[in-house]
Amino acid sequence: MSERGRAASARAPLAWVRRVRVGSTNPPKIAAVRSALEAYVPDVEVEGLAVESGVARQPVGIAEIVRGARNRAAAALAADRCDLAVGVEDGLVPFPELGGEVFNVGCAALCDGERTSLGLSAGFAYPPVCTRSALAGEPIGELFDRFFAERRGELARESSALSVGNVGKLTLGRLPRAEYARHAVLCAVVRFLHPDLYFGPEAAS
């Protein structure tokens, strides 16, 4: 970020952000980033780019989820000049402390070329019949779509990953995927809202 940009950030949060690129063409992810940033920069330009996550189709463990988000942000930044690049990645995290229960957790990575900030979403549990196969490598989104269709007798018109998401189905529409991911993006934005507290005083001057 330029000196001018740093000075602007000290006066108004994210005033230096105009062009944002998301390391994905997934509509809910792009909508999540746009919704989160428009609260601070109403005229922000947000576009998605097709990039590789660099991790398995079904990430397992917080380290792989974070790596996927970081990789997506880095790839978006490298592919197109922008003020801020964002990567969003979801995956499964087994919690031994909870008897081995497995939760879906999302991560958002924001990068301006010099600084990176991470944020996590809330966690929710899938039906165990889905997580068992997903931990072996099969994407949980596809597994759950099939499982939900069989149990509810509803044929999905499109992959839930491209619409309300599985969290949207499980919450009966109260928490669609775009909103779920927005929470992770907002949590990652915090460091950029208060650069002097997280990156040091020099980052805001």
Protein backbone atom coordinates (compact mmCIF):
# COMPACT_ATOMS: atom_id res chain seq x y z
CA MET A 1 0.00 0.00 0.00
CA SER A 2 1.29 3.50 -0.85
CA GLU A 3 2.11 6.17 1.72
CA ARG A 4 -0.94 8.04 0.52
CA GLY A 5 -3.02 4.96 1.15
CA ARG A 6 -1.63 4.51 4.63
CA ALA A 7 -2.36 8.14 5.50
CA ALA A 8 -5.91 7.74 4.24
CA SER A 9 -6.42 4.62 6.32
CA ALA A 10 -5.56 6.59 9.44
CA ARG A 11 -8.37 9.07 8.70
CA ALA A 12 -11.06 6.68 7.48
CA PRO A 13 -11.12 2.87 7.67
CA LEU A 14 -10.53 1.29 4.27
CA ALA A 15 -10.59 4.66 2.48
CA TRP A 16 -7.75 3.39 0.28
CA VAL A 17 -9.76 0.39 -0.96
CA ARG A 18 -11.36 0.72 -4.39
CA ARG A 19 -10.60 -2.44 -6.35
CA VAL A 20 -11.09 -5.79 -4.64
CA ARG A 21 -10.53 -9.17 -6.21
CA VAL A 22 -11.86 -12.42 -4.77
CA GLY A 23 -10.01 -15.65 -5.46
CA SER A 24 -13.14 -17.46 -6.59
CA THR A 25 -16.01 -17.19 -9.08
CA ASN A 26 -18.43 -18.69 -6.55
CA PRO A 27 -21.39 -16.24 -6.32
CA PRO A 28 -21.98 -16.57 -2.53
CA LYS A 29 -18.29 -15.90 -1.81
CA ILE A 30 -18.25 -12.80 -4.02
CA ALA A 31 -21.52 -11.60 -2.47
CA ALA A 32 -20.08 -12.14 1.01
CA VAL A 33 -17.03 -9.99 0.29
CA ARG A 34 -19.08 -7.26 -1.39
CA SER A 35 -21.60 -7.12 1.46
CA ALA A 36 -18.88 -6.99 4.12
CA LEU A 37 -16.82 -4.25 2.46
CA GLU A 38 -19.71 -2.08 1.24
CA ALA A 39 -20.44 -1.26 4.87
CA TYR A 40 -17.14 0.66 4.90
CA VAL A 41 -16.63 1.52 1.21
CA PRO A 42 -20.04 1.93 -0.48
CA ASP A 43 -18.58 2.26 -3.99
CA VAL A 44 -16.12 -0.63 -3.74
CA GLU A 45 -15.56 -2.66 -6.91
CA VAL A 46 -15.59 -6.39 -6.18
CA GLU A 47 -14.93 -9.03 -8.83
CA GLY A 48 -14.18 -12.75 -8.66
CA LEU A 49 -11.33 -14.53 -10.40
CA ALA A 50 -10.92 -18.23 -11.12
CA VAL A 51 -7.82 -19.35 -9.20
CA GLU A 52 -6.47 -22.56 -7.69
CA SER A 53 -6.77 -23.04 -3.95
CA GLY A 54 -3.66 -25.20 -3.76
CA VAL A 55 -5.37 -27.55 -1.29
CA ALA A 56 -7.55 -30.64 -1.55
CA ARG A 57 -11.10 -30.30 -2.89
CA GLN A 58 -12.17 -31.17 0.63
CA PRO A 59 -9.87 -29.38 3.06
CA VAL A 60 -9.56 -31.03 6.45
CA GLY A 61 -8.06 -29.32 9.48
CA ILE A 62 -7.66 -25.64 10.23
CA ALA A 63 -4.16 -25.49 8.74
CA GLU A 64 -5.37 -26.64 5.32
CA ILE A 65 -8.41 -24.34 5.42
CA VAL A 66 -6.25 -21.32 6.22
CA ARG A 67 -3.72 -22.30 3.57
CA GLY A 68 -6.48 -22.49 0.97
CA ALA A 69 -7.77 -19.03 1.90
CA ARG A 70 -4.26 -17.55 1.82
CA ASN A 71 -3.50 -19.19 -1.51
CA ARG A 72 -6.69 -17.85 -3.06
CA ALA A 73 -5.97 -14.32 -1.89
CA ALA A 74 -2.37 -14.47 -3.11
CA ALA A 75 -3.41 -15.85 -6.50
CA ALA A 76 -6.06 -13.13 -6.93
CA LEU A 77 -3.52 -10.45 -6.04
CA ALA A 78 -1.03 -11.84 -8.53
CA ALA A 79 -3.62 -12.18 -11.32
CA ASP A 80 -5.05 -8.67 -11.24
CA ARG A 81 -3.81 -5.40 -9.80
CA CYS A 82 -6.06 -4.46 -6.91
CA ASP A 83 -6.05 -2.71 -3.55
CA LEU A 84 -7.19 -5.76 -1.64
CA ALA A 85 -7.40 -9.45 -2.48
CA VAL A 86 -9.64 -11.89 -0.63
CA GLY A 87 -9.58 -15.66 -0.34
CA VAL A 88 -12.41 -17.65 1.25
CA GLU A 89 -12.08 -21.36 2.03
CA ASP A 90 -14.30 -23.76 3.97
CA GLY A 91 -13.37 -27.12 5.38
CA LEU A 92 -13.88 -29.67 8.13
CA VAL A 93 -12.23 -29.52 11.53
CA PRO A 94 -12.37 -32.53 13.91
CA PHE A 95 -12.43 -31.47 17.56
CA PRO A 96 -11.04 -34.16 19.90
CA GLU A 97 -12.12 -31.96 22.81
CA LEU A 98 -15.73 -32.47 21.70
CA GLY A 99 -15.55 -36.22 21.42
CA GLY A 100 -14.25 -36.09 17.87
CA GLU A 101 -17.21 -34.12 16.53
CA VAL A 102 -16.52 -32.52 13.16
CA PHE A 103 -17.45 -28.93 12.38
CA ASN A 104 -17.43 -26.95 9.17
CA VAL A 105 -15.32 -23.81 9.57
CA GLY A 106 -14.72 -21.06 7.03
CA CYS A 107 -11.68 -18.80 6.76
CA ALA A 108 -11.27 -15.47 4.95
CA ALA A 109 -7.84 -14.08 4.11
CA LEU A 110 -7.42 -10.42 3.16
CA CYS A 111 -4.16 -9.25 1.60
CA ASP A 112 -3.02 -5.84 0.33
CA GLY A 113 0.34 -7.05 -0.93
CA GLU A 114 2.18 -6.32 2.31
CA ARG A 115 -0.17 -7.35 5.06
CA THR A 116 -2.49 -10.31 5.51
CA SER A 117 -5.37 -10.68 7.94
CA LEU A 118 -7.42 -13.77 8.72
CA GLY A 119 -10.94 -14.22 10.01
CA LEU A 120 -12.96 -17.33 10.83
CA SER A 121 -16.64 -18.10 10.53
CA ALA A 122 -18.82 -19.81 13.08
CA GLY A 123 -18.79 -23.59 13.04
CA PHE A 124 -21.65 -25.95 12.30
CA ALA A 125 -21.88 -29.73 12.26
CA TYR A 126 -22.92 -31.86 9.29
CA PRO A 127 -24.79 -35.15 9.75
CA PRO A 128 -22.17 -37.78 10.71
CA VAL A 129 -23.02 -39.94 7.69
CA CYS A 130 -21.65 -37.14 5.49
CA THR A 131 -18.55 -36.26 7.47
CA ARG A 132 -17.28 -39.84 7.55
CA SER A 133 -16.89 -39.93 3.77
CA ALA A 134 -15.76 -36.31 3.57
CA LEU A 135 -12.86 -36.94 5.95
CA ALA A 136 -11.72 -39.57 3.48
CA GLY A 137 -11.55 -36.92 0.75
CA GLU A 138 -14.97 -36.69 -0.90
CA PRO A 139 -16.26 -33.07 -1.06
CA ILE A 140 -18.87 -32.62 1.65
CA GLY A 141 -20.97 -30.25 -0.44
CA GLU A 142 -21.77 -32.92 -2.99
CA LEU A 143 -22.28 -35.55 -0.29
CA PHE A 144 -24.70 -33.39 1.63
CA ASP A 145 -26.64 -32.36 -1.47
CA ARG A 146 -27.29 -36.02 -2.26
CA PHE A 147 -28.04 -36.91 1.36
CA PHE A 148 -30.45 -34.00 1.81
CA ALA A 149 -32.25 -34.79 -1.43
CA GLU A 150 -32.70 -38.42 -0.36
CA ARG A 151 -33.90 -37.59 3.15
CA ARG A 152 -36.11 -34.65 2.23
CA GLY A 153 -37.22 -35.81 -1.20
CA GLU A 154 -36.14 -32.52 -2.72
CA LEU A 155 -34.11 -32.42 -5.91
CA ALA A 156 -31.76 -29.45 -5.94
CA ARG A 157 -31.92 -27.30 -9.07
CA GLU A 158 -28.25 -26.40 -8.60
CA SER A 159 -25.39 -27.15 -6.24
CA SER A 160 -26.10 -25.61 -2.86
CA ALA A 161 -22.49 -24.37 -2.86
CA LEU A 162 -23.53 -21.93 -5.59
CA SER A 163 -26.68 -20.76 -3.83
CA VAL A 164 -27.83 -20.90 -0.20
CA GLY A 165 -25.12 -23.34 0.81
CA ASN A 166 -25.49 -26.35 3.04
CA VAL A 167 -25.56 -24.10 6.08
CA GLY A 168 -28.52 -22.37 4.42
CA LYS A 169 -30.35 -25.67 4.04
CA LEU A 170 -29.58 -26.78 7.58
CA THR A 171 -30.76 -23.48 9.08
CA LEU A 172 -33.88 -23.51 6.89
CA GLY A 173 -32.71 -20.42 5.06
CA ARG A 174 -31.91 -18.32 8.13
CA LEU A 175 -28.14 -18.32 7.50
CA PRO A 176 -27.37 -18.59 3.77
CA ARG A 177 -23.84 -19.24 2.63
CA ALA A 178 -23.15 -15.64 1.60
CA GLU A 179 -24.04 -14.43 5.08
CA TYR A 180 -22.05 -17.23 6.72
CA ALA A 181 -18.94 -16.28 4.72
CA ARG A 182 -19.55 -12.57 5.34
CA HIS A 183 -18.91 -13.13 9.04
CA ALA A 184 -15.44 -14.51 8.28
CA VAL A 185 -14.67 -11.57 5.98
CA LEU A 186 -15.78 -9.06 8.61
CA CYS A 187 -13.61 -10.76 11.21
CA ALA A 188 -10.64 -10.51 8.83
CA VAL A 189 -11.39 -6.83 8.12
CA VAL A 190 -10.83 -5.95 11.79
CA ARG A 191 -7.03 -5.73 11.44
CA PHE A 192 -7.36 -3.32 8.53
CA LEU A 193 -9.83 -1.15 10.45
CA HIS A 194 -7.30 -0.75 13.27
CA PRO A 195 -3.88 -1.08 11.60
CA ASP A 196 -2.08 0.69 14.44
CA LEU A 197 -3.33 -1.90 16.92
CA TYR A 198 -2.46 -4.96 14.85
CA PHE A 199 0.30 -4.02 12.40
CA GLY A 200 2.06 -1.35 14.46
CA PRO A 201 1.74 2.49 14.54
CA GLU A 202 3.78 2.85 11.36
CA ALA A 203 1.09 0.99 9.40
CA ALA A 204 -1.41 3.80 10.00
CA SER A 205 0.88 6.75 9.41
